[in-house]
């Protein structure tokens, strides 16, 4: 499907989630990186990507994804997503303080 519709960010997003599901961290990271680079306006990607980066302790990438997602959600006036990202970002910061 990706070959037929390379401009559909959802397909790349779904692929990243599938890689994560089968615990292929390298491919998951590559796919989220590609998704955020090529489709920076695809809001659903930010929460999942940030959470994944946090999970694999790529804290700089996680922080960036959280902040860009919060900024995008604000621009799109998506209050619910902004709150979800903001809350998760606060938990992320607390987690970093505990390290």
Protein backbone atom coordinates (compact mmCIF):
# COMPACT_ATOMS: atom_id res chain seq x y z
CA UNK A 1 0.00 0.00 0.00
CA UNK A 2 2.88 2.38 0.76
CA UNK A 3 4.19 1.95 -2.78
CA UNK A 4 0.77 2.79 -4.22
CA UNK A 5 0.18 5.79 -1.94
CA UNK A 6 3.56 7.18 -0.85
CA UNK A 7 2.01 10.53 0.12
CA UNK A 8 -0.35 9.05 2.71
CA UNK A 9 1.14 9.72 6.16
CA UNK A 10 -1.27 7.31 7.83
CA UNK A 11 0.32 4.35 6.06
CA UNK A 12 3.76 5.30 7.39
CA UNK A 13 2.27 5.89 10.84
CA UNK A 14 0.61 2.45 10.80
CA UNK A 15 3.87 0.86 9.66
CA UNK A 16 5.75 2.45 12.59
CA UNK A 17 3.15 1.10 15.01
CA UNK A 18 3.42 -2.38 13.49
CA UNK A 19 7.21 -2.34 13.79
CA UNK A 20 6.81 -1.32 17.42
CA UNK A 21 4.28 -4.09 17.98
CA UNK A 22 6.76 -6.72 16.79
CA UNK A 23 9.50 -5.08 18.87
CA UNK A 24 11.70 -3.97 15.99
CA UNK A 25 13.07 -0.80 17.60
CA UNK A 26 15.44 0.05 14.78
CA UNK A 27 12.74 -0.01 12.10
CA UNK A 28 10.26 1.72 14.41
CA UNK A 29 12.67 4.58 15.00
CA UNK A 30 13.55 4.87 11.32
CA UNK A 31 9.89 4.94 10.35
CA UNK A 32 8.91 7.55 12.95
CA UNK A 33 11.92 9.65 11.90
CA UNK A 34 10.83 9.46 8.26
CA UNK A 35 7.22 10.23 9.16
CA UNK A 36 8.04 13.33 11.20
CA UNK A 37 10.49 14.58 8.57
CA UNK A 38 8.27 14.03 5.54
CA UNK A 39 4.87 14.77 7.11
CA UNK A 40 5.43 17.35 9.86
CA UNK A 41 1.75 18.32 9.76
CA UNK A 42 0.52 14.82 10.66
CA UNK A 43 -0.48 15.46 14.27
CA UNK A 44 -1.26 11.88 15.40
CA UNK A 45 2.39 10.91 14.88
CA UNK A 46 3.79 13.16 17.57
CA UNK A 47 2.34 11.47 20.64
CA UNK A 48 3.29 7.98 19.49
CA UNK A 49 6.75 9.00 18.26
CA UNK A 50 7.56 10.95 21.43
CA UNK A 51 6.40 8.07 23.61
CA UNK A 52 8.49 5.61 21.60
CA UNK A 53 11.61 7.78 21.74
CA UNK A 54 11.09 8.13 25.49
CA UNK A 55 10.76 4.36 25.81
CA UNK A 56 14.09 3.75 24.05
CA UNK A 57 15.73 6.58 26.03
CA UNK A 58 16.27 8.90 23.09
CA UNK A 59 15.36 11.81 25.33
CA UNK A 60 16.38 14.64 23.00
CA UNK A 61 14.21 13.22 20.20
CA UNK A 62 11.33 12.62 22.63
CA UNK A 63 11.49 16.19 23.91
CA UNK A 64 11.55 17.57 20.39
CA UNK A 65 8.58 15.44 19.28
CA UNK A 66 6.54 16.45 22.33
CA UNK A 67 7.24 20.16 21.83
CA UNK A 68 6.62 20.13 18.07
CA UNK A 69 3.40 18.17 18.60
CA UNK A 70 2.19 20.61 21.25
CA UNK A 71 2.98 23.54 18.95
CA UNK A 72 1.20 21.91 16.00
CA UNK A 73 -1.86 21.01 18.10
CA UNK A 74 -2.04 24.62 19.27
CA UNK A 75 -1.83 25.91 15.68
CA UNK A 76 -4.57 23.47 14.66
CA UNK A 77 -6.69 24.46 17.68
CA UNK A 78 -6.83 20.79 18.69
CA UNK A 79 -7.23 21.31 22.42
CA UNK A 80 -7.65 17.64 23.34
CA UNK A 81 -4.46 16.55 21.58
CA UNK A 82 -2.56 19.53 22.98
CA UNK A 83 -3.62 18.56 26.50
CA UNK A 84 -2.67 14.90 25.97
CA UNK A 85 0.74 15.88 24.63
CA UNK A 86 1.27 18.46 27.37
CA UNK A 87 0.37 16.00 30.12
CA UNK A 88 2.64 13.34 28.70
CA UNK A 89 5.42 15.90 28.30
CA UNK A 90 5.09 16.85 31.99
CA UNK A 91 5.35 13.16 32.94
CA UNK A 92 8.39 12.88 30.69
CA UNK A 93 10.05 15.80 32.47
CA UNK A 94 9.27 14.27 35.87
CA UNK A 95 10.72 10.96 34.70
CA UNK A 96 13.91 12.70 33.59
CA UNK A 97 14.27 14.35 36.99
CA UNK A 98 14.10 10.91 38.59
CA UNK A 99 17.02 9.58 36.55
